[in-house]
Amino acid sequence: MEKTTLIKYEDIEFEVVYALDEGCEGDYQTPPRKADAFITEVLIDKTNIVELIDADIIEQWETQILEEVL
């Protein structure tokens, strides 16, 4: 399920669409998996600019989303 949040970066507010994998503790048949966020879109005026954003910034934002959500 995709969710949306607003992220402010250098005085610009971006609408960020992301998917959240909440992870699991695991059991006998399933290994444990840590939680993770995956940004799918970065919108400005309904234009997706995710491919223009540096990968390091995307990674920082995914970490920020995890800290806010979990």
PDB file of N, CA and C in Angstrom:
ATOM      1  N   MET A   1       0.847  -1.178   0.000  1.00  0.00           N
ATOM      2  CA  MET A   1       0.000   0.000   0.000  1.00  0.00           C
ATOM      3  C   MET A   1       0.894   1.243   0.000  1.00  0.00           C
ATOM      4  N   GLU A   2       0.613   2.154  -0.885  1.00  0.00           N
ATOM      5  CA  GLU A   2       1.395   3.386  -0.954  1.00  0.00           C
ATOM      6  C   GLU A   2       0.808   4.449  -0.032  1.00  0.00           C
ATOM      7  N   LYS A   3       1.709   5.221   0.556  1.00  0.00           N
ATOM      8  CA  LYS A   3       1.322   6.312   1.444  1.00  0.00           C
ATOM      9  C   LYS A   3       2.022   7.576   0.973  1.00  0.00           C
ATOM     10  N   THR A   4       1.557   8.715   1.464  1.00  0.00           N
ATOM     11  CA  THR A   4       2.119   9.998   1.064  1.00  0.00           C
ATOM     12  C   THR A   4       2.509  10.796   2.300  1.00  0.00           C
ATOM     13  N   THR A   5       3.629  11.515   2.194  1.00  0.00           N
ATOM     14  CA  THR A   5       4.064  12.409   3.259  1.00  0.00           C
ATOM     15  C   THR A   5       4.709  13.637   2.620  1.00  0.00           C
ATOM     16  N   LEU A   6       4.848  14.678   3.402  1.00  0.00           N
ATOM     17  CA  LEU A   6       5.531  15.883   2.934  1.00  0.00           C
ATOM     18  C   LEU A   6       6.912  15.938   3.580  1.00  0.00           C
ATOM     19  N   ILE A   7       7.923  16.212   2.764  1.00  0.00           N
ATOM     20  CA  ILE A   7       9.289  16.341   3.257  1.00  0.00           C
ATOM     21  C   ILE A   7       9.829  17.683   2.797  1.00  0.00           C
ATOM     22  N   LYS A   8      10.361  18.434   3.773  1.00  0.00           N
ATOM     23  CA  LYS A   8      10.938  19.740   3.455  1.00  0.00           C
ATOM     24  C   LYS A   8      12.446  19.570   3.294  1.00  0.00           C
ATOM     25  N   TYR A   9      12.973  20.107   2.193  1.00  0.00           N
ATOM     26  CA  TYR A   9      14.400  20.026   1.906  1.00  0.00           C
ATOM     27  C   TYR A   9      14.834  21.347   1.302  1.00  0.00           C
ATOM     28  N   GLU A  10      15.759  22.032   1.978  1.00  0.00           N
ATOM     29  CA  GLU A  10      16.269  23.326   1.529  1.00  0.00           C
ATOM     30  C   GLU A  10      15.141  24.285   1.128  1.00  0.00           C
ATOM     31  N   ASP A  11      14.214  24.510   2.028  1.00  0.00           N
ATOM     32  CA  ASP A  11      13.085  25.441   1.855  1.00  0.00           C
ATOM     33  C   ASP A  11      12.103  25.043   0.749  1.00  0.00           C
ATOM     34  N   ILE A  12      12.183  23.824   0.255  1.00  0.00           N
ATOM     35  CA  ILE A  12      11.225  23.326  -0.736  1.00  0.00           C
ATOM     36  C   ILE A  12      10.492  22.149  -0.107  1.00  0.00           C
ATOM     37  N   GLU A  13       9.170  22.135  -0.247  1.00  0.00           N
ATOM     38  CA  GLU A  13       8.375  21.050   0.291  1.00  0.00           C
ATOM     39  C   GLU A  13       7.990  20.097  -0.834  1.00  0.00           C
ATOM     40  N   PHE A  14       8.375  18.826  -0.674  1.00  0.00           N
ATOM     41  CA  PHE A  14       8.102  17.797  -1.663  1.00  0.00           C
ATOM     42  C   PHE A  14       6.998  16.879  -1.158  1.00  0.00           C
ATOM     43  N   GLU A  15       6.126  16.473  -2.045  1.00  0.00           N
ATOM     44  CA  GLU A  15       5.157  15.432  -1.735  1.00  0.00           C
ATOM     45  C   GLU A  15       5.820  14.119  -2.125  1.00  0.00           C
ATOM     46  N   VAL A  16       6.001  13.231  -1.155  1.00  0.00           N
ATOM     47  CA  VAL A  16       6.729  11.981  -1.378  1.00  0.00           C
ATOM     48  C   VAL A  16       5.760  10.809  -1.219  1.00  0.00           C
ATOM     49  N   VAL A  17       5.713   9.972  -2.249  1.00  0.00           N
ATOM     50  CA  VAL A  17       4.890   8.767  -2.228  1.00  0.00           C
ATOM     51  C   VAL A  17       5.825   7.598  -1.968  1.00  0.00           C
ATOM     52  N   TYR A  18       5.447   6.738  -1.010  1.00  0.00           N
ATOM     53  CA  TYR A  18       6.329   5.635  -0.637  1.00  0.00           C
ATOM     54  C   TYR A  18       5.527   4.386  -0.301  1.00  0.00           C
ATOM     55  N   ALA A  19       6.207   3.266  -0.390  1.00  0.00           N
ATOM     56  CA  ALA A  19       5.653   1.992   0.056  1.00  0.00           C
ATOM     57  C   ALA A  19       6.401   1.608   1.330  1.00  0.00           C
ATOM     58  N   LEU A  20       5.680   1.054   2.275  1.00  0.00           N
ATOM     59  CA  LEU A  20       6.272   0.684   3.560  1.00  0.00           C
ATOM     60  C   LEU A  20       6.199  -0.826   3.735  1.00  0.00           C
ATOM     61  N   ASP A  21       7.348  -1.432   3.976  1.00  0.00           N
ATOM     62  CA  ASP A  21       7.422  -2.844   4.331  1.00  0.00           C
ATOM     63  C   ASP A  21       7.719  -2.875   5.824  1.00  0.00           C
ATOM     64  N   GLU A  22       6.745  -3.275   6.623  1.00  0.00           N
ATOM     65  CA  GLU A  22       6.892  -3.223   8.077  1.00  0.00           C
ATOM     66  C   GLU A  22       7.797  -4.314   8.632  1.00  0.00           C
ATOM     67  N   GLY A  23       8.235  -5.226   7.771  1.00  0.00           N
ATOM     68  CA  GLY A  23       9.122  -6.287   8.231  1.00  0.00           C
ATOM     69  C   GLY A  23       8.370  -7.310   9.070  1.00  0.00           C
ATOM     70  N   CYS A  24       9.094  -8.271   9.612  1.00  0.00           N
ATOM     71  CA  CYS A  24       8.470  -9.273  10.486  1.00  0.00           C
ATOM     72  C   CYS A  24       9.540  -9.874  11.395  1.00  0.00           C
ATOM     73  N   GLU A  25       9.087 -10.460  12.482  1.00  0.00           N
ATOM     74  CA  GLU A  25       9.998 -11.075  13.433  1.00  0.00           C
ATOM     75  C   GLU A  25      10.462 -12.444  12.953  1.00  0.00           C
ATOM     76  N   GLY A  26       9.726 -13.034  12.038  1.00  0.00           N
ATOM     77  CA  GLY A  26      10.074 -14.352  11.534  1.00  0.00           C
ATOM     78  C   GLY A  26       9.465 -15.450  12.386  1.00  0.00           C
ATOM     79  N   ASP A  27       9.471 -16.642  11.833  1.00  0.00           N
ATOM     80  CA  ASP A  27       9.014 -17.828  12.552  1.00  0.00           C
ATOM     81  C   ASP A  27       9.793 -19.027  12.029  1.00  0.00           C
ATOM     82  N   TYR A  28       9.304 -20.198  12.281  1.00  0.00           N
ATOM     83  CA  TYR A  28      10.024 -21.409  11.892  1.00  0.00           C
ATOM     84  C   TYR A  28      10.298 -21.458  10.388  1.00  0.00           C
ATOM     85  N   GLN A  29       9.339 -21.020   9.586  1.00  0.00           N
ATOM     86  CA  GLN A  29       9.477 -21.122   8.134  1.00  0.00           C
ATOM     87  C   GLN A  29       9.903 -19.818   7.458  1.00  0.00           C
ATOM     88  N   THR A  30       9.828 -18.700   8.160  1.00  0.00           N
ATOM     89  CA  THR A  30      10.102 -17.398   7.565  1.00  0.00           C
ATOM     90  C   THR A  30      11.220 -16.690   8.329  1.00  0.00           C
ATOM     91  N   PRO A  31      12.261 -16.274   7.642  1.00  0.00           N
ATOM     92  CA  PRO A  31      13.328 -15.550   8.340  1.00  0.00           C
ATOM     93  C   PRO A  31      12.874 -14.140   8.733  1.00  0.00           C
ATOM     94  N   PRO A  32      13.486 -13.569   9.766  1.00  0.00           N
ATOM     95  CA  PRO A  32      13.129 -12.195  10.145  1.00  0.00           C
ATOM     96  C   PRO A  32      13.520 -11.219   9.038  1.00  0.00           C
ATOM     97  N   ARG A  33      12.765 -10.117   8.962  1.00  0.00           N
ATOM     98  CA  ARG A  33      13.008  -9.095   7.940  1.00  0.00           C
ATOM     99  C   ARG A  33      12.819  -7.727   8.586  1.00  0.00           C
ATOM    100  N   LYS A  34      13.798  -6.838   8.391  1.00  0.00           N
ATOM    101  CA  LYS A  34      13.694  -5.509   8.989  1.00  0.00           C
ATOM    102  C   LYS A  34      12.726  -4.634   8.190  1.00  0.00           C
ATOM    103  N   ALA A  35      12.211  -3.620   8.844  1.00  0.00           N
ATOM    104  CA  ALA A  35      11.297  -2.672   8.185  1.00  0.00           C
ATOM    105  C   ALA A  35      12.069  -1.840   7.164  1.00  0.00           C
ATOM    106  N   ASP A  36      11.373  -1.433   6.104  1.00  0.00           N
ATOM    107  CA  ASP A  36      12.009  -0.640   5.067  1.00  0.00           C
ATOM    108  C   ASP A  36      10.964   0.224   4.369  1.00  0.00           C
ATOM    109  N   ALA A  37      11.393   1.388   3.903  1.00  0.00           N
ATOM    110  CA  ALA A  37      10.530   2.286   3.123  1.00  0.00           C
ATOM    111  C   ALA A  37      11.136   2.424   1.733  1.00  0.00           C
ATOM    112  N   PHE A  38      10.273   2.473   0.725  1.00  0.00           N
ATOM    113  CA  PHE A  38      10.713   2.606  -0.655  1.00  0.00           C
ATOM    114  C   PHE A  38       9.992   3.784  -1.291  1.00  0.00           C
ATOM    115  N   ILE A  39      10.734   4.827  -1.621  1.00  0.00           N
ATOM    116  CA  ILE A  39      10.135   5.999  -2.254  1.00  0.00           C
ATOM    117  C   ILE A  39       9.882   5.678  -3.726  1.00  0.00           C
ATOM    118  N   THR A  40       8.645   5.881  -4.165  1.00  0.00           N
ATOM    119  CA  THR A  40       8.277   5.585  -5.549  1.00  0.00           C
ATOM    120  C   THR A  40       8.086   6.842  -6.381  1.00  0.00           C
ATOM    121  N   GLU A  41       7.724   7.963  -5.717  1.00  0.00           N
ATOM    122  CA  GLU A  41       7.511   9.221  -6.432  1.00  0.00           C
ATOM    123  C   GLU A  41       7.909  10.395  -5.548  1.00  0.00           C
ATOM    124  N   VAL A  42       8.456  11.432  -6.165  1.00  0.00           N
ATOM    125  CA  VAL A  42       8.697  12.721  -5.513  1.00  0.00           C
ATOM    126  C   VAL A  42       8.006  13.745  -6.401  1.00  0.00           C
ATOM    127  N   LEU A  43       6.980  14.391  -5.853  1.00  0.00           N
ATOM    128  CA  LEU A  43       6.126  15.251  -6.666  1.00  0.00           C
ATOM    129  C   LEU A  43       6.296  16.729  -6.335  1.00  0.00           C
ATOM    130  N   ILE A  44       6.353  17.525  -7.391  1.00  0.00           N
ATOM    131  CA  ILE A  44       6.250  18.975  -7.301  1.00  0.00           C
ATOM    132  C   ILE A  44       5.220  19.372  -8.346  1.00  0.00           C
ATOM    133  N   ASP A  45       4.159  20.019  -7.903  1.00  0.00           N
ATOM    134  CA  ASP A  45       3.075  20.407  -8.804  1.00  0.00           C
ATOM    135  C   ASP A  45       2.608  19.228  -9.661  1.00  0.00           C
ATOM    136  N   LYS A  46       2.453  18.068  -9.018  1.00  0.00           N
ATOM    137  CA  LYS A  46       1.980  16.834  -9.649  1.00  0.00           C
ATOM    138  C   LYS A  46       2.925  16.267 -10.705  1.00  0.00           C
ATOM    139  N   THR A  47       4.175  16.750 -10.741  1.00  0.00           N
ATOM    140  CA  THR A  47       5.186  16.226 -11.660  1.00  0.00           C
ATOM    141  C   THR A  47       6.152  15.357 -10.861  1.00  0.00           C
ATOM    142  N   ASN A  48       6.345  14.116 -11.298  1.00  0.00           N
ATOM    143  CA  ASN A  48       7.234  13.188 -10.616  1.00  0.00           C
ATOM    144  C   ASN A  48       8.683  13.470 -11.012  1.00  0.00           C
ATOM    145  N   ILE A  49       9.502  13.824 -10.015  1.00  0.00           N
ATOM    146  CA  ILE A  49      10.906  14.143 -10.268  1.00  0.00           C
ATOM    147  C   ILE A  49      11.848  13.179  -9.546  1.00  0.00           C
ATOM    148  N   VAL A  50      11.356  12.006  -9.181  1.00  0.00           N
ATOM    149  CA  VAL A  50      12.163  11.067  -8.390  1.00  0.00           C
ATOM    150  C   VAL A  50      13.475  10.728  -9.088  1.00  0.00           C
ATOM    151  N   GLU A  51      13.499  10.639 -10.397  1.00  0.00           N
ATOM    152  CA  GLU A  51      14.724  10.292 -11.109  1.00  0.00           C
ATOM    153  C   GLU A  51      15.751  11.425 -11.102  1.00  0.00           C
ATOM    154  N   LEU A  52      15.331  12.631 -10.755  1.00  0.00           N
ATOM    155  CA  LEU A  52      16.237  13.773 -10.710  1.00  0.00           C
ATOM    156  C   LEU A  52      16.878  13.976  -9.337  1.00  0.00           C
ATOM    157  N   ILE A  53      16.365  13.296  -8.331  1.00  0.00           N
ATOM    158  CA  ILE A  53      16.861  13.441  -6.963  1.00  0.00           C
ATOM    159  C   ILE A  53      18.016  12.463  -6.750  1.00  0.00           C
ATOM    160  N   ASP A  54      19.086  12.935  -6.138  1.00  0.00           N
ATOM    161  CA  ASP A  54      20.262  12.114  -5.864  1.00  0.00           C
ATOM    162  C   ASP A  54      19.890  10.906  -4.989  1.00  0.00           C
ATOM    163  N   ALA A  55      20.498   9.766  -5.265  1.00  0.00           N
ATOM    164  CA  ALA A  55      20.205   8.526  -4.540  1.00  0.00           C
ATOM    165  C   ALA A  55      20.479   8.655  -3.042  1.00  0.00           C
ATOM    166  N   ASP A  56      21.507   9.412  -2.661  1.00  0.00           N
ATOM    167  CA  ASP A  56      21.816   9.604  -1.238  1.00  0.00           C
ATOM    168  C   ASP A  56      20.700  10.358  -0.524  1.00  0.00           C
ATOM    169  N   ILE A  57      20.112  11.318  -1.191  1.00  0.00           N
ATOM    170  CA  ILE A  57      19.000  12.081  -0.602  1.00  0.00           C
ATOM    171  C   ILE A  57      17.775  11.187  -0.459  1.00  0.00           C
ATOM    172  N   ILE A  58      17.494  10.384  -1.473  1.00  0.00           N
ATOM    173  CA  ILE A  58      16.373   9.437  -1.401  1.00  0.00           C
ATOM    174  C   ILE A  58      16.569   8.497  -0.212  1.00  0.00           C
ATOM    175  N   GLU A  59      17.774   8.006  -0.028  1.00  0.00           N
ATOM    176  CA  GLU A  59      18.066   7.114   1.089  1.00  0.00           C
ATOM    177  C   GLU A  59      17.860   7.818   2.436  1.00  0.00           C
ATOM    178  N   GLN A  60      18.289   9.068   2.543  1.00  0.00           N
ATOM    179  CA  GLN A  60      18.074   9.845   3.773  1.00  0.00           C
ATOM    180  C   GLN A  60      16.582  10.002   4.040  1.00  0.00           C
ATOM    181  N   TRP A  61      15.818  10.300   2.995  1.00  0.00           N
ATOM    182  CA  TRP A  61      14.378  10.485   3.165  1.00  0.00           C
ATOM    183  C   TRP A  61      13.695   9.175   3.567  1.00  0.00           C
ATOM    184  N   GLU A  62      14.144   8.048   3.006  1.00  0.00           N
ATOM    185  CA  GLU A  62      13.566   6.756   3.386  1.00  0.00           C
ATOM    186  C   GLU A  62      13.837   6.469   4.860  1.00  0.00           C
ATOM    187  N   THR A  63      15.040   6.792   5.324  1.00  0.00           N
ATOM    188  CA  THR A  63      15.369   6.625   6.745  1.00  0.00           C
ATOM    189  C   THR A  63      14.507   7.540   7.604  1.00  0.00           C
ATOM    190  N   GLN A  64      14.320   8.775   7.169  1.00  0.00           N
ATOM    191  CA  GLN A  64      13.483   9.735   7.890  1.00  0.00           C
ATOM    192  C   GLN A  64      12.038   9.233   7.979  1.00  0.00           C
ATOM    193  N   ILE A  65      11.527   8.686   6.893  1.00  0.00           N
ATOM    194  CA  ILE A  65      10.160   8.149   6.886  1.00  0.00           C
ATOM    195  C   ILE A  65      10.043   7.010   7.890  1.00  0.00           C
ATOM    196  N   LEU A  66      11.011   6.096   7.913  1.00  0.00           N
ATOM    197  CA  LEU A  66      10.972   4.987   8.864  1.00  0.00           C
ATOM    198  C   LEU A  66      10.971   5.493  10.301  1.00  0.00           C
ATOM    199  N   GLU A  67      11.790   6.496  10.593  1.00  0.00           N
ATOM    200  CA  GLU A  67      11.851   7.037  11.953  1.00  0.00           C
ATOM    201  C   GLU A  67      10.525   7.670  12.354  1.00  0.00           C
ATOM    202  N   GLU A  68       9.828   8.299  11.416  1.00  0.00           N
ATOM    203  CA  GLU A  68       8.553   8.943  11.730  1.00  0.00           C
ATOM    204  C   GLU A  68       7.421   7.937  11.866  1.00  0.00           C
ATOM    205  N   VAL A  69       7.458   6.890  11.055  1.00  0.00           N
ATOM    206  CA  VAL A  69       6.346   5.943  11.003  1.00  0.00           C
ATOM    207  C   VAL A  69       6.441   4.875  12.091  1.00  0.00           C
ATOM    208  N   LEU A  70       7.650   4.390  12.361  1.00  0.00           N
ATOM    209  CA  LEU A  70       7.800   3.276  13.311  1.00  0.00           C
ATOM    210  C   LEU A  70       8.144   3.727  14.695  1.00  0.00           C
TER     211      LEU A  70
END
